[in-house]
Amino acid sequence: MGIKQLPKRSGECLFEIIMRRYETRSTMMTSNRPLEDWGKLLGDVPSATAILDRFLHHAEILSITGRSYRLKDRAAKDAGGKEKDRGDKPDKTGDDEKVA
């Protein structure tokens, strides 16, 4: 579950999935939003409450803090300037001349 509000019937669909899996299957979900925001995110506070009630009943919540793993290399690139040209990108000059 992410940043944007989900389409209208998403809460109903997610509720159906959670209900079918409740106490029969394991379910893992990740979100960058706090649980308090799920009602607004789904656009349906009662559905979000019912989903969270069932989902969190046997849940183990892992809260991960710190910098994003996916963005770890970005800071190094920004600090070092532009990435060096390694010659692995095609030449954009349009010259197709071959040298023998």
Protein backbone atom coordinates (compact mmCIF):
# COMPACT_ATOMS: atom_id res chain seq x y z
CA MET A 1 0.00 0.00 0.00
CA GLY A 2 1.57 3.21 -1.07
CA ILE A 3 1.34 6.92 -1.47
CA LYS A 4 -1.72 7.40 -3.68
CA GLN A 5 -5.31 6.75 -2.68
CA LEU A 6 -6.48 3.47 -4.13
CA PRO A 7 -9.46 3.13 -6.51
CA LYS A 8 -12.98 3.12 -4.99
CA ARG A 9 -13.59 -0.62 -4.62
CA SER A 10 -10.05 -1.49 -3.49
CA GLY A 11 -11.11 -1.70 0.15
CA GLU A 12 -13.77 -4.27 -0.67
CA CYS A 13 -11.35 -6.34 -2.77
CA LEU A 14 -8.62 -6.24 -0.13
CA PHE A 15 -11.17 -7.15 2.56
CA GLU A 16 -12.24 -10.17 0.48
CA ILE A 17 -8.63 -11.34 0.13
CA ILE A 18 -7.91 -10.93 3.84
CA MET A 19 -11.17 -12.71 4.80
CA ARG A 20 -10.38 -15.70 2.56
CA ARG A 21 -6.88 -16.01 4.00
CA TYR A 22 -7.76 -15.16 7.64
CA GLU A 23 -6.54 -17.93 9.97
CA THR A 24 -5.89 -20.30 7.03
CA ARG A 25 -2.90 -18.84 5.15
CA SER A 26 0.07 -16.61 5.84
CA THR A 27 -0.06 -13.13 4.37
CA MET A 28 2.68 -10.53 4.13
CA MET A 29 2.04 -6.92 3.27
CA THR A 30 4.36 -3.95 3.08
CA SER A 31 3.41 -0.31 3.26
CA ASN A 32 5.14 3.01 3.52
CA ARG A 33 2.06 4.43 5.27
CA PRO A 34 1.22 4.23 8.99
CA LEU A 35 -1.80 2.12 9.96
CA GLU A 36 -3.70 5.28 10.92
CA ASP A 37 -3.68 6.38 7.26
CA TRP A 38 -5.20 3.20 5.80
CA GLY A 39 -8.79 4.45 6.10
CA LYS A 40 -7.97 7.51 4.02
CA LEU A 41 -5.81 5.48 1.64
CA LEU A 42 -8.59 2.97 0.97
CA GLY A 43 -11.24 5.69 0.96
CA ASP A 44 -13.35 3.56 3.31
CA VAL A 45 -12.66 3.75 7.05
CA PRO A 46 -15.00 0.87 8.08
CA SER A 47 -13.41 -1.49 5.53
CA ALA A 48 -9.91 -0.45 6.61
CA THR A 49 -10.84 -1.07 10.25
CA ALA A 50 -12.20 -4.54 9.45
CA ILE A 51 -9.14 -5.38 7.33
CA LEU A 52 -6.70 -4.25 10.00
CA ASP A 53 -8.67 -6.04 12.73
CA ARG A 54 -8.27 -9.38 10.95
CA PHE A 55 -4.87 -8.70 9.49
CA LEU A 56 -3.28 -7.65 12.78
CA HIS A 57 -4.93 -10.34 14.93
CA HIS A 58 -1.97 -12.74 14.65
CA ALA A 59 0.45 -10.28 13.05
CA GLU A 60 4.03 -9.57 13.81
CA ILE A 61 4.83 -6.00 12.78
CA LEU A 62 8.34 -5.10 11.66
CA SER A 63 8.99 -1.39 11.53
CA ILE A 64 12.01 -0.52 9.42
CA THR A 65 13.56 2.89 9.86
CA GLY A 66 16.47 4.59 8.20
CA ARG A 67 17.42 5.40 4.66
CA SER A 68 15.95 3.53 1.73
CA TYR A 69 18.06 0.61 0.53
CA ARG A 70 17.04 1.36 -3.05
CA LEU A 71 18.39 4.90 -2.78
CA LYS A 72 21.69 4.04 -1.07
CA ASP A 73 23.75 4.52 -4.24
CA ARG A 74 22.06 7.78 -5.19
CA ALA A 75 23.75 9.77 -2.40
CA ALA A 76 27.18 8.55 -3.54
CA LYS A 77 26.43 9.54 -7.15
CA ASP A 78 25.11 12.96 -6.13
CA ALA A 79 28.16 13.61 -3.94
CA GLY A 80 30.62 12.52 -6.63
CA GLY A 81 29.04 14.41 -9.49
CA LYS A 82 27.98 12.75 -12.71
CA GLU A 83 28.77 9.11 -13.25
CA LYS A 84 31.82 8.55 -15.44
CA ASP A 85 31.20 7.42 -18.99
CA ARG A 86 32.36 3.82 -19.15
CA GLY A 87 31.80 3.45 -22.86
CA ASP A 88 28.97 0.95 -22.40
CA LYS A 89 26.33 3.35 -23.70
CA PRO A 90 25.70 3.77 -27.44
CA ASP A 91 27.11 6.88 -29.04
CA LYS A 92 24.36 9.48 -29.53
CA THR A 93 26.22 11.51 -32.16
CA GLY A 94 24.65 9.58 -35.01
CA ASP A 95 28.03 8.66 -36.53
CA ASP A 96 27.87 5.07 -37.72
CA GLU A 97 31.33 5.18 -39.27
CA LYS A 98 33.42 2.05 -38.68
CA VAL A 99 37.15 2.24 -38.22
CA ALA A 100 39.30 -0.57 -39.65
